Amino acid sequence: MLLQNAIADALNSADWAFALAECVHIGGFAVGVGSIAVVDFRMLNFGLRHETAARILRYSEPWTIVALILVFFSGLALFLSQTDIYLVNLVFPIKMYVLAAALIYNFTVHRKVATMENPSPTLSKWVAGISLLLWAAVVFGGLFTGFLI
């Protein structure tokens, strides 16, 4: 409770603190989901045809991981600043479940297919499509969480 109170006090007492945490959270999601989407678009055969999905993944994965770490800590701070509001929000737990599914999917199935030497085009398209749907659901869940608070 002490940590929650300290974070809540810090974010709620300064005019800029909550907005800064929100910007880091949204910016981190833009970079993280964007770097995943680049790999997905390659797997869907939309652009970057001179590169393999594995090579794009290798270059974009550090950006994804750093961005998701920023998202995690800024999201935790935002959550701790108003736990009583987030806990009664109807969309927030759904967003968290979808986020968990998207993370597990991204670092297991998605990564395995993206690094395959010659995956079937059908498999690549299904995996990329599911990835894009999961991440879009997480983003929309965040938007709806903010509007339903």
Protein backbone atom coordinates (compact mmCIF):
# COMPACT_ATOMS: atom_id res chain seq x y z
CA MET A 1 0.00 0.00 0.00
CA LEU A 2 2.89 2.37 0.70
CA LEU A 3 4.15 2.06 -2.89
CA GLN A 4 0.64 2.58 -4.26
CA ASN A 5 0.14 5.67 -2.10
CA ALA A 6 3.52 7.15 -3.05
CA ILE A 7 2.90 6.65 -6.78
CA ALA A 8 -0.67 7.89 -6.53
CA ASP A 9 0.46 10.98 -4.64
CA ALA A 10 3.23 11.70 -7.14
CA LEU A 11 1.05 11.27 -10.23
CA ASN A 12 -2.00 12.99 -8.84
CA SER A 13 -0.31 15.97 -7.17
CA ALA A 14 1.69 17.34 -10.10
CA ASP A 15 -0.18 18.61 -13.15
CA TRP A 16 2.34 17.12 -15.56
CA ALA A 17 3.18 13.75 -13.93
CA PHE A 18 0.09 11.79 -14.95
CA ALA A 19 0.24 13.26 -18.46
CA LEU A 20 3.91 12.30 -18.76
CA ALA A 21 3.22 8.73 -17.64
CA GLU A 22 0.35 8.57 -20.13
CA CYS A 23 2.61 9.84 -22.94
CA VAL A 24 5.30 7.27 -22.12
CA HIS A 25 2.62 4.55 -22.04
CA ILE A 26 1.09 5.52 -25.38
CA GLY A 27 4.45 6.17 -27.03
CA GLY A 28 5.77 2.84 -25.83
CA PHE A 29 2.74 1.08 -27.25
CA ALA A 30 3.20 2.89 -30.57
CA VAL A 31 6.80 1.72 -30.84
CA GLY A 32 6.15 -1.79 -29.50
CA VAL A 33 3.04 -2.56 -31.51
CA GLY A 34 4.46 -0.75 -34.53
CA SER A 35 7.60 -2.89 -34.55
CA ILE A 36 5.48 -6.03 -34.26
CA ALA A 37 3.18 -4.80 -37.03
CA VAL A 38 6.14 -4.31 -39.41
CA VAL A 39 6.93 -8.01 -39.05
CA ASP A 40 3.24 -8.87 -39.46
CA PHE A 41 2.94 -6.81 -42.63
CA ARG A 42 5.97 -8.60 -44.06
CA MET A 43 4.40 -11.95 -43.19
CA LEU A 44 1.23 -10.78 -44.94
CA ASN A 45 3.42 -9.86 -47.93
CA PHE A 46 2.63 -6.14 -47.65
CA GLY A 47 5.88 -4.37 -48.33
CA LEU A 48 9.53 -4.92 -47.43
CA ARG A 49 9.63 -7.85 -49.84
CA HIS A 50 13.41 -7.64 -50.15
CA GLU A 51 13.73 -8.63 -46.46
CA THR A 52 12.70 -11.78 -44.66
CA ALA A 53 10.37 -11.66 -41.68
CA ALA A 54 13.16 -13.24 -39.61
CA ARG A 55 15.58 -10.45 -40.44
CA ILE A 56 13.01 -7.73 -39.73
CA LEU A 57 12.20 -9.45 -36.43
CA ARG A 58 15.88 -9.62 -35.50
CA TYR A 59 16.29 -5.86 -36.02
CA SER A 60 12.96 -4.79 -34.51
CA GLU A 61 12.78 -7.11 -31.50
CA PRO A 62 15.06 -5.00 -29.25
CA TRP A 63 12.79 -2.00 -29.93
CA THR A 64 9.76 -4.13 -29.13
CA ILE A 65 11.21 -5.34 -25.83
CA VAL A 66 12.39 -1.91 -24.66
CA ALA A 67 9.04 -0.37 -25.62
CA LEU A 68 7.06 -3.07 -23.82
CA ILE A 69 9.19 -2.57 -20.69
CA LEU A 70 8.35 1.14 -20.80
CA VAL A 71 4.68 0.26 -21.32
CA PHE A 72 4.74 -2.11 -18.36
CA PHE A 73 6.23 0.35 -15.88
CA SER A 74 4.24 3.35 -17.06
CA GLY A 75 1.06 1.24 -17.07
CA LEU A 76 1.81 0.02 -13.56
CA ALA A 77 2.28 3.60 -12.41
CA LEU A 78 -0.98 4.67 -14.07
CA PHE A 79 -2.80 1.72 -12.50
CA LEU A 80 -1.39 2.41 -9.03
CA SER A 81 -2.39 6.06 -9.30
CA GLN A 82 -6.10 5.14 -9.47
CA THR A 83 -6.51 1.50 -8.47
CA ASP A 84 -10.02 1.98 -7.14
CA ILE A 85 -11.16 3.26 -10.54
CA TYR A 86 -9.38 0.63 -12.66
CA LEU A 87 -10.59 -2.27 -10.51
CA VAL A 88 -14.26 -1.47 -11.15
CA ASN A 89 -13.77 -0.66 -14.85
CA LEU A 90 -15.50 -3.28 -17.02
CA VAL A 91 -13.03 -3.12 -19.91
CA PHE A 92 -9.75 -3.06 -17.96
CA PRO A 93 -9.63 -6.77 -16.98
CA ILE A 94 -10.51 -7.79 -20.53
CA LYS A 95 -7.68 -5.60 -21.82
CA MET A 96 -5.28 -7.27 -19.38
CA TYR A 97 -6.32 -10.78 -20.51
CA VAL A 98 -5.97 -9.84 -24.17
CA LEU A 99 -2.60 -8.22 -23.44
CA ALA A 100 -1.40 -11.42 -21.76
CA ALA A 101 -2.61 -13.46 -24.73
CA ALA A 102 -0.93 -11.06 -27.20
CA LEU A 103 2.39 -11.20 -25.32
CA ILE A 104 2.36 -14.99 -25.05
CA TYR A 105 1.36 -15.33 -28.70
CA ASN A 106 3.98 -12.83 -29.85
CA PHE A 107 6.91 -14.47 -28.08
CA THR A 108 5.89 -18.05 -28.91
CA VAL A 109 3.84 -18.79 -32.04
CA HIS A 110 4.47 -15.50 -33.84
CA ARG A 111 8.21 -15.58 -33.20
CA LYS A 112 8.50 -19.23 -34.25
CA VAL A 113 6.71 -18.71 -37.56
CA ALA A 114 8.50 -15.42 -38.29
CA THR A 115 11.90 -17.11 -37.86
CA MET A 116 11.05 -20.18 -39.94
CA GLU A 117 13.15 -20.66 -43.06
CA ASN A 118 10.23 -21.18 -45.46
CA PRO A 119 6.85 -21.11 -43.72
CA SER A 120 3.80 -21.68 -45.84
CA PRO A 121 2.17 -18.45 -47.01
CA THR A 122 -1.14 -19.51 -45.48
CA LEU A 123 0.44 -20.13 -42.07
CA SER A 124 2.30 -16.80 -42.18
CA LYS A 125 -0.86 -14.92 -43.07
CA TRP A 126 -2.92 -16.55 -40.32
CA VAL A 127 -0.26 -15.96 -37.68
CA ALA A 128 0.21 -12.33 -38.73
CA GLY A 129 -3.54 -11.72 -38.90
CA ILE A 130 -4.12 -13.11 -35.42
CA SER A 131 -1.20 -11.03 -34.11
CA LEU A 132 -2.62 -7.83 -35.60
CA LEU A 133 -6.08 -8.60 -34.20
CA LEU A 134 -4.71 -9.24 -30.70
CA TRP A 135 -2.64 -6.04 -30.63
CA ALA A 136 -5.47 -3.97 -32.10
CA ALA A 137 -7.74 -5.34 -29.37
CA VAL A 138 -5.20 -4.31 -26.71
CA VAL A 139 -5.00 -0.79 -28.13
CA PHE A 140 -8.78 -0.44 -28.34
CA GLY A 141 -9.07 -1.89 -24.84
CA GLY A 142 -6.80 0.89 -23.62
CA LEU A 143 -8.90 3.51 -25.37
CA PHE A 144 -12.13 2.14 -23.97
CA THR A 145 -10.62 1.82 -20.50
CA GLY A 146 -9.86 5.53 -20.59
CA PHE A 147 -13.35 6.45 -21.77
CA LEU A 148 -15.18 4.25 -19.27
CA ILE A 149 -13.33 5.46 -16.19
